[in-house]
N, C-alpha and C. Protein backbone atom coordinates (compact mmCIF):
# COMPACT_ATOMS: atom_id res chain seq x y z
N UNK A 1 -6.46 -24.16 1.34
CA UNK A 1 -5.19 -24.17 1.91
C UNK A 1 -5.55 -22.68 2.89
N UNK A 2 -3.66 -22.81 3.44
CA UNK A 2 -3.52 -21.81 4.48
C UNK A 2 -2.91 -20.82 4.49
N UNK A 3 -3.78 -19.25 6.17
CA UNK A 3 -2.99 -18.64 5.58
C UNK A 3 -1.45 -18.04 5.51
N UNK A 4 -0.53 -17.76 4.97
CA UNK A 4 0.21 -17.71 5.02
C UNK A 4 0.74 -15.91 6.40
N UNK A 5 -0.10 -15.37 6.81
CA UNK A 5 -0.46 -14.91 7.90
C UNK A 5 -0.07 -15.30 9.44
N UNK A 6 -0.97 -16.18 8.84
CA UNK A 6 -1.37 -17.27 10.15
C UNK A 6 -0.51 -18.28 10.76
N UNK A 7 0.61 -18.07 9.76
CA UNK A 7 1.85 -19.07 10.11
C UNK A 7 2.20 -18.55 11.02
N UNK A 8 2.98 -19.68 12.05
CA UNK A 8 3.59 -19.41 13.33
C UNK A 8 4.94 -19.44 13.35
N UNK A 9 5.98 -19.56 14.66
CA UNK A 9 7.40 -19.63 14.02
C UNK A 9 7.30 -21.75 14.66
N UNK A 10 8.10 -23.06 14.17
CA UNK A 10 7.90 -23.79 14.60
C UNK A 10 8.36 -23.70 16.20
N UNK A 11 7.68 -24.91 16.30
CA UNK A 11 7.70 -25.85 18.29
C UNK A 11 8.89 -25.05 18.47
N UNK A 12 10.46 -25.36 20.03
CA UNK A 12 11.43 -25.33 19.87
C UNK A 12 12.05 -26.63 19.15
N UNK A 13 13.02 -26.85 18.77
CA UNK A 13 13.54 -27.71 19.09
C UNK A 13 13.30 -28.18 17.31
N UNK A 14 12.43 -27.26 16.59
CA UNK A 14 12.68 -27.85 15.25
C UNK A 14 13.58 -26.40 13.84
N UNK A 15 13.97 -27.36 13.61
CA UNK A 15 14.56 -25.35 12.78
C UNK A 15 13.65 -24.74 12.23
N UNK A 16 13.96 -23.81 12.15
CA UNK A 16 12.98 -22.42 10.84
C UNK A 16 13.30 -22.70 9.37
N UNK A 17 12.30 -22.34 8.41
CA UNK A 17 13.07 -23.08 7.39
C UNK A 17 13.71 -21.64 7.08
N UNK A 18 14.65 -21.76 6.17
CA UNK A 18 15.70 -21.17 5.76
C UNK A 18 15.77 -19.07 5.13
N UNK A 19 13.66 -19.66 5.17
CA UNK A 19 13.53 -18.19 4.69
C UNK A 19 13.30 -17.46 5.76
N UNK A 20 13.10 -17.72 7.11
CA UNK A 20 12.64 -17.34 8.22
C UNK A 20 13.32 -16.07 7.85
N UNK A 21 14.07 -15.86 8.47
CA UNK A 21 15.51 -15.00 9.51
C UNK A 21 15.08 -14.17 7.89
N UNK A 22 14.22 -14.14 6.71
CA UNK A 22 14.88 -12.87 6.24
C UNK A 22 13.47 -11.71 5.92
N UNK A 23 12.38 -11.97 7.30
CA UNK A 23 11.84 -11.50 6.96
C UNK A 23 11.61 -10.62 8.47
N UNK A 24 12.16 -9.17 8.68
CA UNK A 24 11.39 -8.71 9.80
C UNK A 24 10.01 -9.41 10.41
N UNK A 25 10.25 -8.82 12.20
CA UNK A 25 9.14 -9.75 13.24
C UNK A 25 8.13 -8.46 12.98
N UNK A 26 7.40 -8.11 13.85
CA UNK A 26 6.81 -7.78 14.22
C UNK A 26 5.78 -8.03 15.57
N UNK A 27 5.68 -8.00 16.67
CA UNK A 27 5.35 -9.05 18.64
C UNK A 27 4.97 -9.86 18.06
N UNK A 28 3.84 -10.06 17.53
CA UNK A 28 3.45 -11.67 18.03
C UNK A 28 4.03 -12.56 16.57
N UNK A 29 5.48 -11.80 16.39
CA UNK A 29 6.82 -12.96 15.79
C UNK A 29 6.76 -13.33 14.70
N UNK A 30 5.10 -12.59 13.44
CA UNK A 30 5.35 -12.87 12.37
C UNK A 30 5.75 -11.90 11.51
N UNK A 31 5.97 -11.83 9.33
CA UNK A 31 6.16 -10.85 9.68
C UNK A 31 4.65 -9.56 9.39
N UNK A 32 5.73 -8.43 9.08
CA UNK A 32 4.75 -7.21 9.11
C UNK A 32 3.60 -7.51 7.48
N UNK A 33 3.10 -6.87 7.54
CA UNK A 33 1.57 -6.85 6.70
C UNK A 33 2.49 -7.04 5.77
N UNK A 34 2.02 -7.13 3.87
CA UNK A 34 2.63 -6.46 2.58
C UNK A 34 1.38 -5.77 2.73
N UNK A 35 1.19 -4.89 2.07
CA UNK A 35 -0.12 -4.33 0.64
C UNK A 35 -0.43 -2.63 1.38
N UNK A 36 -1.13 -1.82 1.01
CA UNK A 36 -1.49 -0.96 0.67
C UNK A 36 -1.95 -0.37 2.41
N UNK A 37 -0.78 0.61 2.75
CA UNK A 37 -0.91 1.21 4.13
C UNK A 37 -1.79 2.03 4.83
N UNK A 38 -2.02 1.58 6.15
CA UNK A 38 -3.24 1.57 6.57
C UNK A 38 -3.92 3.54 7.29
N UNK A 39 -4.80 3.79 6.21
CA UNK A 39 -4.97 5.00 6.39
C UNK A 39 -6.10 5.93 6.36
N UNK A 40 -6.60 4.47 8.09
CA UNK A 40 -8.22 5.66 8.69
C UNK A 40 -7.20 6.80 10.09
N UNK A 41 -5.38 6.64 10.19
CA UNK A 41 -5.73 7.58 11.25
C UNK A 41 -5.36 8.65 10.87
N UNK A 42 -4.24 9.09 10.00
CA UNK A 42 -5.11 10.32 9.04
C UNK A 42 -6.71 11.16 7.99
N UNK A 43 -7.35 9.76 7.93
CA UNK A 43 -8.81 10.27 8.20
C UNK A 43 -9.07 10.33 9.64
N UNK A 44 -8.69 9.52 10.67
CA UNK A 44 -9.62 10.34 11.53
C UNK A 44 -8.97 11.67 12.56
N UNK A 45 -7.39 12.21 11.61
CA UNK A 45 -6.75 13.31 12.03
C UNK A 45 -7.74 14.18 11.28
N UNK A 46 -7.08 14.29 10.00
CA UNK A 46 -8.30 15.41 8.69
C UNK A 46 -9.88 15.21 9.79
N UNK A 47 -10.94 14.49 9.84
CA UNK A 47 -12.18 14.34 10.64
C UNK A 47 -12.14 15.29 11.92
N UNK A 48 -11.28 14.86 13.16
CA UNK A 48 -10.68 16.31 14.04
C UNK A 48 -10.56 17.69 13.52
N UNK A 49 -9.53 17.74 12.83
CA UNK A 49 -9.03 19.03 12.28
C UNK A 49 -10.52 20.09 11.82
N UNK A 50 -11.13 19.18 11.06
CA UNK A 50 -12.22 19.76 10.78
C UNK A 50 -13.74 20.36 11.35
N UNK A 51 -13.12 19.78 12.69
CA UNK A 51 -14.58 19.99 14.04
C UNK A 51 -13.13 20.79 15.05
N UNK A 52 -12.23 21.39 14.53
CA UNK A 52 -11.90 22.24 15.46
C UNK A 52 -11.91 23.26 14.78
N UNK A 53 -11.52 23.21 12.92
CA UNK A 53 -11.50 24.51 12.45
C UNK A 53 -12.00 25.52 12.84
N UNK A 54 -12.20 26.89 13.18
CA UNK A 54 -13.66 27.94 13.28
C UNK A 54 -14.71 28.36 12.26
N UNK A 55 -15.83 28.74 12.64
CA UNK A 55 -16.69 28.76 10.93
C UNK A 55 -16.35 29.76 10.02
N UNK A 56 -14.87 30.54 10.22
CA UNK A 56 -15.07 31.75 9.63
C UNK A 56 -13.58 31.26 8.39
N UNK A 57 -13.27 29.32 8.46
CA UNK A 57 -12.24 29.05 7.96
C UNK A 57 -12.90 27.87 7.90
N UNK A 58 -13.67 27.55 7.63
CA UNK A 58 -14.35 26.39 7.29
C UNK A 58 -13.61 26.58 5.80
N UNK A 59 -14.39 27.32 5.19
CA UNK A 59 -14.82 27.05 4.04
C UNK A 59 -12.66 26.96 3.35
N UNK A 60 -12.42 27.69 3.24
CA UNK A 60 -10.30 27.83 3.36
C UNK A 60 -10.01 26.28 4.08
N UNK A 61 -10.90 25.58 4.84
CA UNK A 61 -10.59 24.22 5.49
C UNK A 61 -10.48 23.15 4.09
N UNK A 62 -11.96 23.46 3.73
CA UNK A 62 -12.39 22.43 2.09
C UNK A 62 -11.44 22.92 1.58
N UNK A 63 -11.21 23.64 1.19
CA UNK A 63 -10.47 24.08 -0.94
C UNK A 63 -9.09 23.23 -0.35
N UNK A 64 -8.50 23.52 0.88
CA UNK A 64 -7.60 22.81 0.83
C UNK A 64 -7.32 21.36 1.20
N UNK A 65 -8.91 21.05 1.88
CA UNK A 65 -8.31 19.17 1.23
C UNK A 65 -8.93 18.89 -0.20
N UNK A 66 -9.61 20.07 -0.61
CA UNK A 66 -9.78 19.98 -2.25
C UNK A 66 -8.88 19.35 -2.59
N UNK A 67 -7.69 20.42 -2.91
CA UNK A 67 -6.63 20.74 -2.75
C UNK A 67 -5.28 19.48 -2.66
N UNK A 68 -5.52 19.17 -2.05
CA UNK A 68 -4.77 17.75 -2.05
C UNK A 68 -5.75 16.79 -1.56
N UNK A 69 -6.34 16.53 -2.03
CA UNK A 69 -6.89 14.83 -2.66
C UNK A 69 -6.86 15.37 -4.19
N UNK A 70 -6.73 16.08 -4.62
CA UNK A 70 -6.56 16.88 -6.28
C UNK A 70 -4.31 16.30 -6.84
N UNK A 71 -4.49 16.54 -5.34
CA UNK A 71 -2.77 16.30 -5.72
C UNK A 71 -2.41 14.95 -5.14
N UNK A 72 -3.07 14.25 -4.65
CA UNK A 72 -2.83 12.53 -4.65
C UNK A 72 -3.16 11.51 -5.54
N UNK A 73 -3.94 12.62 -6.19
CA UNK A 73 -5.45 11.89 -7.56
C UNK A 73 -3.90 12.45 -9.14
N UNK A 74 -3.23 13.22 -8.62
CA UNK A 74 -2.69 14.12 -9.43
C UNK A 74 -1.15 12.67 -8.98
N UNK A 75 -0.43 12.25 -8.10
CA UNK A 75 0.52 11.41 -8.12
C UNK A 75 -0.35 10.36 -8.37
N UNK A 76 -1.67 9.67 -7.97
CA UNK A 76 -1.94 7.92 -8.33
C UNK A 76 -1.87 8.27 -10.80
N UNK A 77 -2.34 9.36 -11.07
CA UNK A 77 -1.95 9.55 -12.28
C UNK A 77 -0.63 8.81 -13.14
N UNK A 78 -0.19 10.06 -11.93
CA UNK A 78 1.45 9.71 -13.09
C UNK A 78 2.43 8.35 -12.55
N UNK A 79 1.75 7.69 -11.42
CA UNK A 79 2.56 6.48 -11.24
C UNK A 79 1.90 6.06 -11.74
N UNK A 80 0.60 5.41 -12.31
CA UNK A 80 0.09 4.21 -13.68
C UNK A 80 0.71 4.71 -15.07
N UNK A 81 0.71 5.74 -15.48
CA UNK A 81 1.16 5.74 -16.29
C UNK A 81 2.96 6.05 -16.22
N UNK A 82 3.79 6.08 -15.22
CA UNK A 82 4.62 5.31 -15.30
C UNK A 82 4.93 3.82 -15.87
N UNK A 83 3.76 3.56 -14.60
CA UNK A 83 3.47 1.56 -14.68
C UNK A 83 3.45 0.77 -15.79
N UNK A 84 3.20 1.90 -16.43
CA UNK A 84 2.26 1.35 -18.08
C UNK A 84 3.32 1.59 -19.10
N UNK A 85 4.73 3.07 -18.87
CA UNK A 85 5.41 3.06 -19.70
C UNK A 85 6.48 1.57 -19.59
N UNK A 86 7.01 1.25 -18.86
CA UNK A 86 7.34 -0.43 -18.13
C UNK A 86 7.03 -1.46 -18.33
N UNK A 87 5.64 -1.36 -19.24
CA UNK A 87 5.41 -2.93 -19.82
C UNK A 87 6.06 -3.50 -20.68
N UNK A 88 5.84 -4.66 -20.41
CA UNK A 88 7.40 -4.99 -21.36
C UNK A 88 6.73 -5.32 -23.12
N UNK A 89 7.15 -5.11 -23.79
CA UNK A 89 6.65 -5.41 -25.25
C UNK A 89 6.30 -6.87 -26.32
N UNK A 90 5.38 -6.29 -26.38
CA UNK A 90 5.48 -8.32 -26.78
C UNK A 90 6.01 -8.79 -27.84
N UNK A 91 6.83 -9.98 -27.73
CA UNK A 91 7.28 -10.58 -28.63
C UNK A 91 6.19 -11.32 -29.72
N UNK A 92 6.02 -10.62 -31.14
CA UNK A 92 6.06 -11.80 -32.53
C UNK A 92 6.84 -12.58 -33.02
N UNK A 93 6.43 -13.71 -32.98
CA UNK A 93 7.65 -14.36 -33.78
C UNK A 93 6.68 -14.64 -34.99
N UNK A 94 7.44 -14.65 -35.99
CA UNK A 94 6.73 -15.17 -37.29
C UNK A 94 7.11 -16.72 -37.50
N UNK A 95 6.48 -17.30 -37.71
CA UNK A 95 6.08 -18.71 -37.90
C UNK A 95 5.96 -19.03 -39.50
N UNK A 96 6.42 -19.88 -39.98
CA UNK A 96 7.03 -20.21 -41.08
C UNK A 96 5.86 -21.48 -41.74
N UNK A 97 4.89 -20.88 -42.43
CA UNK A 97 3.31 -22.43 -42.71
C UNK A 97 4.00 -22.62 -44.12
N UNK A 98 4.24 -24.17 -44.47
CA UNK A 98 5.28 -24.76 -45.49
C UNK A 98 3.72 -24.98 -46.24
C-alpha cells in the first residue's frame, strides 16, 4: 500500500486527477499534512521562558503553567463531551418471529 503523502504530481503531459486542485499545496507540491498540529515550537517557547524567569518569579510561573494546562484539559473534556452528545442513537428494529 502506498503512502498518500508520498504522492507526487503526474509528469508533464499527463492530466492531474480531478480532486488534485481541491487541496492547497505546500512548497513541495503535496497537500499539507492533516492531523494534530506540531506543538514543539510552543513547548520550546515555554522552556525558554522558564529559563529566563528570575528565581523570585519561578513559583508564579509554575502556577501559570499549571493553570494553562488545566485550561487545556478543561477544553479537551468539553470537546469530548460535545462529541459524545452528538453520537447518533442506536436504531433498533423489531423483527417478528413466526
